[in-house]
Amino acid sequence: MKVARVDDNQKQITKFLREKGVTVSITSATGRGFPDLVCGYKNKNILLEIKDGKKPLSAQALTPEQRIWHYEWKGQIAVVNTPEMAWAEIEKQTKD
């Protein structure tokens, strides 16, 4: 069984979003390219793929499975690497 890699900043991003009132389900163990977080805010669902911004850009690239999943997905998905980027995406997706 393949163990899911979790980026070092996932806990920090999750905590930050929850403090802002966002519901967060951690889905990084789902695998097959599925995003790391499913977030709910203002009756909207936001999918976030987390990459560690402290790593070199080459280490932040989507895996082959993630690239396929993102390409085939017909809804919203965003790649973020800081709590502030995650919050900005949540705000963008929930603007009235």
PDB file of N, CA and C in Angstrom:
ATOM      1  N   MET A   1       0.832  -1.182   0.000  1.00  0.00           N
ATOM      2  CA  MET A   1       0.000   0.000   0.000  1.00  0.00           C
ATOM      3  C   MET A   1       0.872   1.239   0.000  1.00  0.00           C
ATOM      4  N   LYS A   2       0.562   2.161  -0.890  1.00  0.00           N
ATOM      5  CA  LYS A   2       1.329   3.392  -1.022  1.00  0.00           C
ATOM      6  C   LYS A   2       0.906   4.379   0.062  1.00  0.00           C
ATOM      7  N   VAL A   3       1.891   4.953   0.751  1.00  0.00           N
ATOM      8  CA  VAL A   3       1.604   5.937   1.788  1.00  0.00           C
ATOM      9  C   VAL A   3       1.620   7.324   1.156  1.00  0.00           C
ATOM     10  N   ALA A   4       0.595   8.109   1.447  1.00  0.00           N
ATOM     11  CA  ALA A   4       0.487   9.457   0.882  1.00  0.00           C
ATOM     12  C   ALA A   4       1.539  10.368   1.501  1.00  0.00           C
ATOM     13  N   ARG A   5       2.187  11.141   0.650  1.00  0.00           N
ATOM     14  CA  ARG A   5       3.119  12.150   1.142  1.00  0.00           C
ATOM     15  C   ARG A   5       2.305  13.387   1.504  1.00  0.00           C
ATOM     16  N   VAL A   6       2.596  13.922   2.656  1.00  0.00           N
ATOM     17  CA  VAL A   6       1.910  15.130   3.104  1.00  0.00           C
ATOM     18  C   VAL A   6       2.940  16.250   3.169  1.00  0.00           C
ATOM     19  N   ASP A   7       2.642  17.358   2.505  1.00  0.00           N
ATOM     20  CA  ASP A   7       3.561  18.492   2.529  1.00  0.00           C
ATOM     21  C   ASP A   7       3.660  19.058   3.940  1.00  0.00           C
ATOM     22  N   ASP A   8       4.855  19.552   4.284  1.00  0.00           N
ATOM     23  CA  ASP A   8       5.122  20.059   5.630  1.00  0.00           C
ATOM     24  C   ASP A   8       4.179  21.192   6.033  1.00  0.00           C
ATOM     25  N   ASN A   9       3.686  21.950   5.076  1.00  0.00           N
ATOM     26  CA  ASN A   9       2.852  23.112   5.386  1.00  0.00           C
ATOM     27  C   ASN A   9       1.360  22.797   5.442  1.00  0.00           C
ATOM     28  N   GLN A  10       0.972  21.546   5.236  1.00  0.00           N
ATOM     29  CA  GLN A  10      -0.454  21.207   5.218  1.00  0.00           C
ATOM     30  C   GLN A  10      -1.125  21.520   6.553  1.00  0.00           C
ATOM     31  N   LYS A  11      -0.484  21.156   7.662  1.00  0.00           N
ATOM     32  CA  LYS A  11      -1.055  21.414   8.985  1.00  0.00           C
ATOM     33  C   LYS A  11      -1.266  22.912   9.205  1.00  0.00           C
ATOM     34  N   GLN A  12      -0.258  23.692   8.836  1.00  0.00           N
ATOM     35  CA  GLN A  12      -0.310  25.145   9.010  1.00  0.00           C
ATOM     36  C   GLN A  12      -1.446  25.758   8.184  1.00  0.00           C
ATOM     37  N   ILE A  13      -1.572  25.336   6.941  1.00  0.00           N
ATOM     38  CA  ILE A  13      -2.634  25.853   6.063  1.00  0.00           C
ATOM     39  C   ILE A  13      -4.001  25.446   6.596  1.00  0.00           C
ATOM     40  N   THR A  14      -4.138  24.186   7.005  1.00  0.00           N
ATOM     41  CA  THR A  14      -5.409  23.695   7.537  1.00  0.00           C
ATOM     42  C   THR A  14      -5.819  24.473   8.788  1.00  0.00           C
ATOM     43  N   LYS A  15      -4.890  24.662   9.703  1.00  0.00           N
ATOM     44  CA  LYS A  15      -5.165  25.404  10.946  1.00  0.00           C
ATOM     45  C   LYS A  15      -5.591  26.834  10.629  1.00  0.00           C
ATOM     46  N   PHE A  16      -4.867  27.495   9.753  1.00  0.00           N
ATOM     47  CA  PHE A  16      -5.160  28.877   9.363  1.00  0.00           C
ATOM     48  C   PHE A  16      -6.574  28.993   8.789  1.00  0.00           C
ATOM     49  N   LEU A  17      -6.920  28.101   7.865  1.00  0.00           N
ATOM     50  CA  LEU A  17      -8.241  28.153   7.240  1.00  0.00           C
ATOM     51  C   LEU A  17      -9.349  27.891   8.255  1.00  0.00           C
ATOM     52  N   ARG A  18      -9.140  26.933   9.131  1.00  0.00           N
ATOM     53  CA  ARG A  18     -10.150  26.639  10.155  1.00  0.00           C
ATOM     54  C   ARG A  18     -10.351  27.834  11.083  1.00  0.00           C
ATOM     55  N   GLU A  19      -9.271  28.541  11.395  1.00  0.00           N
ATOM     56  CA  GLU A  19      -9.389  29.744  12.232  1.00  0.00           C
ATOM     57  C   GLU A  19     -10.182  30.842  11.523  1.00  0.00           C
ATOM     58  N   LYS A  20     -10.225  30.813  10.208  1.00  0.00           N
ATOM     59  CA  LYS A  20     -10.986  31.777   9.413  1.00  0.00           C
ATOM     60  C   LYS A  20     -12.451  31.347   9.259  1.00  0.00           C
ATOM     61  N   GLY A  21     -12.803  30.175   9.791  1.00  0.00           N
ATOM     62  CA  GLY A  21     -14.176  29.697   9.706  1.00  0.00           C
ATOM     63  C   GLY A  21     -14.455  28.758   8.545  1.00  0.00           C
ATOM     64  N   VAL A  22     -13.415  28.295   7.892  1.00  0.00           N
ATOM     65  CA  VAL A  22     -13.547  27.372   6.763  1.00  0.00           C
ATOM     66  C   VAL A  22     -13.614  25.946   7.312  1.00  0.00           C
ATOM     67  N   THR A  23     -14.529  25.128   6.777  1.00  0.00           N
ATOM     68  CA  THR A  23     -14.485  23.709   7.127  1.00  0.00           C
ATOM     69  C   THR A  23     -13.490  23.052   6.177  1.00  0.00           C
ATOM     70  N   VAL A  24     -12.675  22.172   6.727  1.00  0.00           N
ATOM     71  CA  VAL A  24     -11.603  21.559   5.943  1.00  0.00           C
ATOM     72  C   VAL A  24     -11.601  20.049   6.154  1.00  0.00           C
ATOM     73  N   SER A  25     -11.680  19.307   5.067  1.00  0.00           N
ATOM     74  CA  SER A  25     -11.471  17.855   5.105  1.00  0.00           C
ATOM     75  C   SER A  25     -10.134  17.570   4.451  1.00  0.00           C
ATOM     76  N   ILE A  26      -9.306  16.852   5.163  1.00  0.00           N
ATOM     77  CA  ILE A  26      -7.989  16.486   4.639  1.00  0.00           C
ATOM     78  C   ILE A  26      -8.161  15.215   3.810  1.00  0.00           C
ATOM     79  N   THR A  27      -7.867  15.336   2.534  1.00  0.00           N
ATOM     80  CA  THR A  27      -8.094  14.230   1.599  1.00  0.00           C
ATOM     81  C   THR A  27      -6.798  13.775   0.919  1.00  0.00           C
ATOM     82  N   SER A  28      -5.670  14.167   1.489  1.00  0.00           N
ATOM     83  CA  SER A  28      -4.377  13.845   0.870  1.00  0.00           C
ATOM     84  C   SER A  28      -4.131  12.340   0.771  1.00  0.00           C
ATOM     85  N   ALA A  29      -4.753  11.550   1.630  1.00  0.00           N
ATOM     86  CA  ALA A  29      -4.551  10.097   1.581  1.00  0.00           C
ATOM     87  C   ALA A  29      -5.422   9.413   0.524  1.00  0.00           C
ATOM     88  N   THR A  30      -6.303  10.161  -0.114  1.00  0.00           N
ATOM     89  CA  THR A  30      -7.193   9.581  -1.124  1.00  0.00           C
ATOM     90  C   THR A  30      -6.391   9.009  -2.286  1.00  0.00           C
ATOM     91  N   GLY A  31      -5.344   9.718  -2.687  1.00  0.00           N
ATOM     92  CA  GLY A  31      -4.487   9.242  -3.770  1.00  0.00           C
ATOM     93  C   GLY A  31      -5.082   9.446  -5.144  1.00  0.00           C
ATOM     94  N   ARG A  32      -4.442   8.859  -6.131  1.00  0.00           N
ATOM     95  CA  ARG A  32      -4.859   8.929  -7.538  1.00  0.00           C
ATOM     96  C   ARG A  32      -4.977  10.359  -8.057  1.00  0.00           C
ATOM     97  N   GLY A  33      -4.187  11.257  -7.482  1.00  0.00           N
ATOM     98  CA  GLY A  33      -4.160  12.631  -7.961  1.00  0.00           C
ATOM     99  C   GLY A  33      -5.178  13.552  -7.319  1.00  0.00           C
ATOM    100  N   PHE A  34      -6.049  12.994  -6.434  1.00  0.00           N
ATOM    101  CA  PHE A  34      -7.080  13.822  -5.807  1.00  0.00           C
ATOM    102  C   PHE A  34      -6.418  14.888  -4.937  1.00  0.00           C
ATOM    103  N   PRO A  35      -6.994  16.108  -4.892  1.00  0.00           N
ATOM    104  CA  PRO A  35      -6.391  17.204  -4.124  1.00  0.00           C
ATOM    105  C   PRO A  35      -6.271  16.903  -2.628  1.00  0.00           C
ATOM    106  N   ASP A  36      -5.428  17.684  -1.970  1.00  0.00           N
ATOM    107  CA  ASP A  36      -5.127  17.483  -0.554  1.00  0.00           C
ATOM    108  C   ASP A  36      -6.250  17.920   0.380  1.00  0.00           C
ATOM    109  N   LEU A  37      -6.950  18.992   0.016  1.00  0.00           N
ATOM    110  CA  LEU A  37      -7.988  19.536   0.900  1.00  0.00           C
ATOM    111  C   LEU A  37      -9.282  19.792   0.142  1.00  0.00           C
ATOM    112  N   VAL A  38     -10.395  19.479   0.790  1.00  0.00           N
ATOM    113  CA  VAL A  38     -11.709  19.899   0.316  1.00  0.00           C
ATOM    114  C   VAL A  38     -12.214  20.872   1.381  1.00  0.00           C
ATOM    115  N   CYS A  39     -12.444  22.099   0.958  1.00  0.00           N
ATOM    116  CA  CYS A  39     -12.822  23.161   1.884  1.00  0.00           C
ATOM    117  C   CYS A  39     -14.244  23.630   1.610  1.00  0.00           C
ATOM    118  N   GLY A  40     -14.937  24.003   2.662  1.00  0.00           N
ATOM    119  CA  GLY A  40     -16.281  24.548   2.534  1.00  0.00           C
ATOM    120  C   GLY A  40     -16.350  25.918   3.180  1.00  0.00           C
ATOM    121  N   TYR A  41     -16.920  26.872   2.438  1.00  0.00           N
ATOM    122  CA  TYR A  41     -17.039  28.235   2.970  1.00  0.00           C
ATOM    123  C   TYR A  41     -18.137  28.950   2.201  1.00  0.00           C
ATOM    124  N   LYS A  42     -19.034  29.597   2.917  1.00  0.00           N
ATOM    125  CA  LYS A  42     -20.151  30.320   2.307  1.00  0.00           C
ATOM    126  C   LYS A  42     -20.915  29.449   1.307  1.00  0.00           C
ATOM    127  N   ASN A  43     -21.187  28.220   1.700  1.00  0.00           N
ATOM    128  CA  ASN A  43     -21.947  27.267   0.875  1.00  0.00           C
ATOM    129  C   ASN A  43     -21.273  26.902  -0.445  1.00  0.00           C
ATOM    130  N   LYS A  44     -19.975  27.041  -0.520  1.00  0.00           N
ATOM    131  CA  LYS A  44     -19.208  26.647  -1.714  1.00  0.00           C
ATOM    132  C   LYS A  44     -18.165  25.618  -1.293  1.00  0.00           C
ATOM    133  N   ASN A  45     -17.805  24.767  -2.244  1.00  0.00           N
ATOM    134  CA  ASN A  45     -16.725  23.806  -2.037  1.00  0.00           C
ATOM    135  C   ASN A  45     -15.519  24.240  -2.847  1.00  0.00           C
ATOM    136  N   ILE A  46     -14.359  24.202  -2.218  1.00  0.00           N
ATOM    137  CA  ILE A  46     -13.120  24.631  -2.873  1.00  0.00           C
ATOM    138  C   ILE A  46     -12.103  23.501  -2.705  1.00  0.00           C
ATOM    139  N   LEU A  47     -11.502  23.082  -3.813  1.00  0.00           N
ATOM    140  CA  LEU A  47     -10.491  22.027  -3.785  1.00  0.00           C
ATOM    141  C   LEU A  47      -9.109  22.659  -3.840  1.00  0.00           C
ATOM    142  N   LEU A  48      -8.242  22.252  -2.925  1.00  0.00           N
ATOM    143  CA  LEU A  48      -6.893  22.801  -2.874  1.00  0.00           C
ATOM    144  C   LEU A  48      -5.853  21.697  -2.914  1.00  0.00           C
ATOM    145  N   GLU A  49      -4.887  21.869  -3.779  1.00  0.00           N
ATOM    146  CA  GLU A  49      -3.696  21.023  -3.832  1.00  0.00           C
ATOM    147  C   GLU A  49      -2.587  21.823  -3.160  1.00  0.00           C
ATOM    148  N   ILE A  50      -1.965  21.243  -2.160  1.00  0.00           N
ATOM    149  CA  ILE A  50      -0.918  21.942  -1.423  1.00  0.00           C
ATOM    150  C   ILE A  50       0.454  21.510  -1.921  1.00  0.00           C
ATOM    151  N   LYS A  51       1.277  22.505  -2.143  1.00  0.00           N
ATOM    152  CA  LYS A  51       2.685  22.271  -2.447  1.00  0.00           C
ATOM    153  C   LYS A  51       3.499  23.066  -1.441  1.00  0.00           C
ATOM    154  N   ASP A  52       4.652  22.565  -1.076  1.00  0.00           N
ATOM    155  CA  ASP A  52       5.499  23.216  -0.082  1.00  0.00           C
ATOM    156  C   ASP A  52       6.339  24.298  -0.747  1.00  0.00           C
ATOM    157  N   GLY A  53       6.009  25.551  -0.465  1.00  0.00           N
ATOM    158  CA  GLY A  53       6.702  26.688  -1.064  1.00  0.00           C
ATOM    159  C   GLY A  53       8.157  26.821  -0.652  1.00  0.00           C
ATOM    160  N   LYS A  54       8.576  26.090   0.378  1.00  0.00           N
ATOM    161  CA  LYS A  54       9.977  26.148   0.811  1.00  0.00           C
ATOM    162  C   LYS A  54      10.878  25.244  -0.034  1.00  0.00           C
ATOM    163  N   LYS A  55      10.244  24.375  -0.803  1.00  0.00           N
ATOM    164  CA  LYS A  55      11.010  23.455  -1.648  1.00  0.00           C
ATOM    165  C   LYS A  55      11.310  24.116  -2.990  1.00  0.00           C
ATOM    166  N   PRO A  56      12.326  23.640  -3.701  1.00  0.00           N
ATOM    167  CA  PRO A  56      12.602  24.168  -5.036  1.00  0.00           C
ATOM    168  C   PRO A  56      11.393  23.946  -5.949  1.00  0.00           C
ATOM    169  N   LEU A  57      11.250  24.777  -6.960  1.00  0.00           N
ATOM    170  CA  LEU A  57      10.111  24.672  -7.878  1.00  0.00           C
ATOM    171  C   LEU A  57       9.982  23.278  -8.469  1.00  0.00           C
ATOM    172  N   SER A  58      11.103  22.641  -8.758  1.00  0.00           N
ATOM    173  CA  SER A  58      11.045  21.297  -9.336  1.00  0.00           C
ATOM    174  C   SER A  58      10.382  20.307  -8.377  1.00  0.00           C
ATOM    175  N   ALA A  59      10.538  20.529  -7.077  1.00  0.00           N
ATOM    176  CA  ALA A  59       9.936  19.645  -6.081  1.00  0.00           C
ATOM    177  C   ALA A  59       8.471  19.998  -5.804  1.00  0.00           C
ATOM    178  N   GLN A  60       8.012  21.135  -6.344  1.00  0.00           N
ATOM    179  CA  GLN A  60       6.624  21.562  -6.163  1.00  0.00           C
ATOM    180  C   GLN A  60       5.734  21.165  -7.342  1.00  0.00           C
ATOM    181  N   ALA A  61       6.319  20.534  -8.324  1.00  0.00           N
ATOM    182  CA  ALA A  61       5.554  20.160  -9.524  1.00  0.00           C
ATOM    183  C   ALA A  61       4.493  19.120  -9.181  1.00  0.00           C
ATOM    184  N   LEU A  62       3.397  19.162  -9.918  1.00  0.00           N
ATOM    185  CA  LEU A  62       2.366  18.149  -9.759  1.00  0.00           C
ATOM    186  C   LEU A  62       2.925  16.796 -10.185  1.00  0.00           C
ATOM    187  N   THR A  63       2.490  15.754  -9.505  1.00  0.00           N
ATOM    188  CA  THR A  63       2.881  14.405  -9.902  1.00  0.00           C
ATOM    189  C   THR A  63       2.140  14.061 -11.197  1.00  0.00           C
ATOM    190  N   PRO A  64       2.564  13.033 -11.898  1.00  0.00           N
ATOM    191  CA  PRO A  64       1.824  12.635 -13.110  1.00  0.00           C
ATOM    192  C   PRO A  64       0.342  12.370 -12.831  1.00  0.00           C
ATOM    193  N   GLU A  65       0.029  11.693 -11.725  1.00  0.00           N
ATOM    194  CA  GLU A  65      -1.375  11.435 -11.393  1.00  0.00           C
ATOM    195  C   GLU A  65      -2.137  12.737 -11.131  1.00  0.00           C
ATOM    196  N   GLN A  66      -1.492  13.683 -10.448  1.00  0.00           N
ATOM    197  CA  GLN A  66      -2.135  14.973 -10.178  1.00  0.00           C
ATOM    198  C   GLN A  66      -2.380  15.744 -11.467  1.00  0.00           C
ATOM    199  N   ARG A  67      -1.417  15.726 -12.356  1.00  0.00           N
ATOM    200  CA  ARG A  67      -1.592  16.431 -13.641  1.00  0.00           C
ATOM    201  C   ARG A  67      -2.805  15.886 -14.397  1.00  0.00           C
ATOM    202  N   ILE A  68      -2.933  14.580 -14.434  1.00  0.00           N
ATOM    203  CA  ILE A  68      -4.068  13.952 -15.123  1.00  0.00           C
ATOM    204  C   ILE A  68      -5.371  14.336 -14.433  1.00  0.00           C
ATOM    205  N   TRP A  69      -5.403  14.222 -13.112  1.00  0.00           N
ATOM    206  CA  TRP A  69      -6.621  14.545 -12.372  1.00  0.00           C
ATOM    207  C   TRP A  69      -7.034  15.995 -12.616  1.00  0.00           C
ATOM    208  N   HIS A  70      -6.079  16.912 -12.510  1.00  0.00           N
ATOM    209  CA  HIS A  70      -6.379  18.339 -12.720  1.00  0.00           C
ATOM    210  C   HIS A  70      -6.883  18.583 -14.139  1.00  0.00           C
ATOM    211  N   TYR A  71      -6.284  17.938 -15.109  1.00  0.00           N
ATOM    212  CA  TYR A  71      -6.667  18.114 -16.513  1.00  0.00           C
ATOM    213  C   TYR A  71      -8.091  17.618 -16.757  1.00  0.00           C
ATOM    214  N   GLU A  72      -8.429  16.482 -16.159  1.00  0.00           N
ATOM    215  CA  GLU A  72      -9.735  15.874 -16.408  1.00  0.00           C
ATOM    216  C   GLU A  72     -10.859  16.476 -15.570  1.00  0.00           C
ATOM    217  N   TRP A  73     -10.527  17.155 -14.470  1.00  0.00           N
ATOM    218  CA  TRP A  73     -11.537  17.708 -13.575  1.00  0.00           C
ATOM    219  C   TRP A  73     -12.234  18.898 -14.236  1.00  0.00           C
ATOM    220  N   LYS A  74     -13.539  18.921 -14.188  1.00  0.00           N
ATOM    221  CA  LYS A  74     -14.323  19.964 -14.853  1.00  0.00           C
ATOM    222  C   LYS A  74     -14.781  21.045 -13.879  1.00  0.00           C
ATOM    223  N   GLY A  75     -14.239  21.038 -12.694  1.00  0.00           N
ATOM    224  CA  GLY A  75     -14.594  22.036 -11.686  1.00  0.00           C
ATOM    225  C   GLY A  75     -13.371  22.798 -11.216  1.00  0.00           C
ATOM    226  N   GLN A  76     -13.546  23.524 -10.139  1.00  0.00           N
ATOM    227  CA  GLN A  76     -12.487  24.357  -9.571  1.00  0.00           C
ATOM    228  C   GLN A  76     -11.434  23.488  -8.886  1.00  0.00           C
ATOM    229  N   ILE A  77     -10.196  23.873  -9.031  1.00  0.00           N
ATOM    230  CA  ILE A  77      -9.058  23.288  -8.316  1.00  0.00           C
ATOM    231  C   ILE A  77      -7.957  24.336  -8.314  1.00  0.00           C
ATOM    232  N   ALA A  78      -7.277  24.496  -7.203  1.00  0.00           N
ATOM    233  CA  ALA A  78      -6.189  25.475  -7.123  1.00  0.00           C
ATOM    234  C   ALA A  78      -4.992  24.850  -6.418  1.00  0.00           C
ATOM    235  N   VAL A  79      -3.812  25.260  -6.845  1.00  0.00           N
ATOM    236  CA  VAL A  79      -2.575  24.836  -6.201  1.00  0.00           C
ATOM    237  C   VAL A  79      -2.099  26.006  -5.348  1.00  0.00           C
ATOM    238  N   VAL A  80      -1.850  25.744  -4.066  1.00  0.00           N
ATOM    239  CA  VAL A  80      -1.428  26.794  -3.135  1.00  0.00           C
ATOM    240  C   VAL A  80      -0.213  26.321  -2.359  1.00  0.00           C
ATOM    241  N   ASN A  81       0.569  27.280  -1.861  1.00  0.00           N
ATOM    242  CA  ASN A  81       1.711  26.873  -1.055  1.00  0.00           C
ATOM    243  C   ASN A  81       1.897  27.676   0.234  1.00  0.00           C
ATOM    244  N   THR A  82       0.945  28.563   0.552  1.00  0.00           N
ATOM    245  CA  THR A  82       0.984  29.283   1.821  1.00  0.00           C
ATOM    246  C   THR A  82      -0.442  29.417   2.356  1.00  0.00           C
ATOM    247  N   PRO A  83      -0.581  29.664   3.652  1.00  0.00           N
ATOM    248  CA  PRO A  83      -1.915  29.910   4.196  1.00  0.00           C
ATOM    249  C   PRO A  83      -2.595  31.104   3.514  1.00  0.00           C
ATOM    250  N   GLU A  84      -1.820  32.135   3.229  1.00  0.00           N
ATOM    251  CA  GLU A  84      -2.374  33.330   2.594  1.00  0.00           C
ATOM    252  C   GLU A  84      -2.876  33.043   1.174  1.00  0.00           C
ATOM    253  N   MET A  85      -2.138  32.236   0.435  1.00  0.00           N
ATOM    254  CA  MET A  85      -2.594  31.840  -0.908  1.00  0.00           C
ATOM    255  C   MET A  85      -3.874  31.020  -0.824  1.00  0.00           C
ATOM    256  N   ALA A  86      -3.944  30.128   0.160  1.00  0.00           N
ATOM    257  CA  ALA A  86      -5.136  29.302   0.336  1.00  0.00           C
ATOM    258  C   ALA A  86      -6.338  30.191   0.664  1.00  0.00           C
ATOM    259  N   TRP A  87      -6.161  31.130   1.575  1.00  0.00           N
ATOM    260  CA  TRP A  87      -7.249  32.035   1.954  1.00  0.00           C
ATOM    261  C   TRP A  87      -7.669  32.907   0.766  1.00  0.00           C
ATOM    262  N   ALA A  88      -6.715  33.395   0.005  1.00  0.00           N
ATOM    263  CA  ALA A  88      -7.037  34.211  -1.179  1.00  0.00           C
ATOM    264  C   ALA A  88      -7.887  33.412  -2.162  1.00  0.00           C
ATOM    265  N   GLU A  89      -7.570  32.138  -2.344  1.00  0.00           N
ATOM    266  CA  GLU A  89      -8.360  31.288  -3.251  1.00  0.00           C
ATOM    267  C   GLU A  89      -9.765  31.074  -2.693  1.00  0.00           C
ATOM    268  N   ILE A  90      -9.874  30.848  -1.381  1.00  0.00           N
ATOM    269  CA  ILE A  90     -11.188  30.685  -0.752  1.00  0.00           C
ATOM    270  C   ILE A  90     -12.020  31.952  -0.977  1.00  0.00           C
ATOM    271  N   GLU A  91     -11.425  33.106  -0.720  1.00  0.00           N
ATOM    272  CA  GLU A  91     -12.147  34.373  -0.906  1.00  0.00           C
ATOM    273  C   GLU A  91     -12.559  34.575  -2.365  1.00  0.00           C
ATOM    274  N   LYS A  92     -11.652  34.270  -3.271  1.00  0.00           N
ATOM    275  CA  LYS A  92     -11.946  34.418  -4.709  1.00  0.00           C
ATOM    276  C   LYS A  92     -13.126  33.534  -5.127  1.00  0.00           C
ATOM    277  N   GLN A  93     -13.137  32.317  -4.661  1.00  0.00           N
ATOM    278  CA  GLN A  93     -14.165  31.358  -5.071  1.00  0.00           C
ATOM    279  C   GLN A  93     -15.515  31.588  -4.393  1.00  0.00           C
ATOM    280  N   THR A  94     -15.524  32.366  -3.306  1.00  0.00           N
ATOM    281  CA  THR A  94     -16.775  32.575  -2.579  1.00  0.00           C
ATOM    282  C   THR A  94     -17.274  34.010  -2.673  1.00  0.00           C
ATOM    283  N   LYS A  95     -16.677  34.791  -3.565  1.00  0.00           N
ATOM    284  CA  LYS A  95     -17.156  36.162  -3.770  1.00  0.00           C
ATOM    285  C   LYS A  95     -18.570  36.129  -4.285  1.00  0.00           C
ATOM    286  N   ASP A  96     -19.399  36.990  -3.749  1.00  0.00           N
ATOM    287  CA  ASP A  96     -20.799  37.046  -4.227  1.00  0.00           C
ATOM    288  C   ASP A  96     -20.955  37.902  -5.433  1.00  0.00           C
TER     289      ASP A  96
END
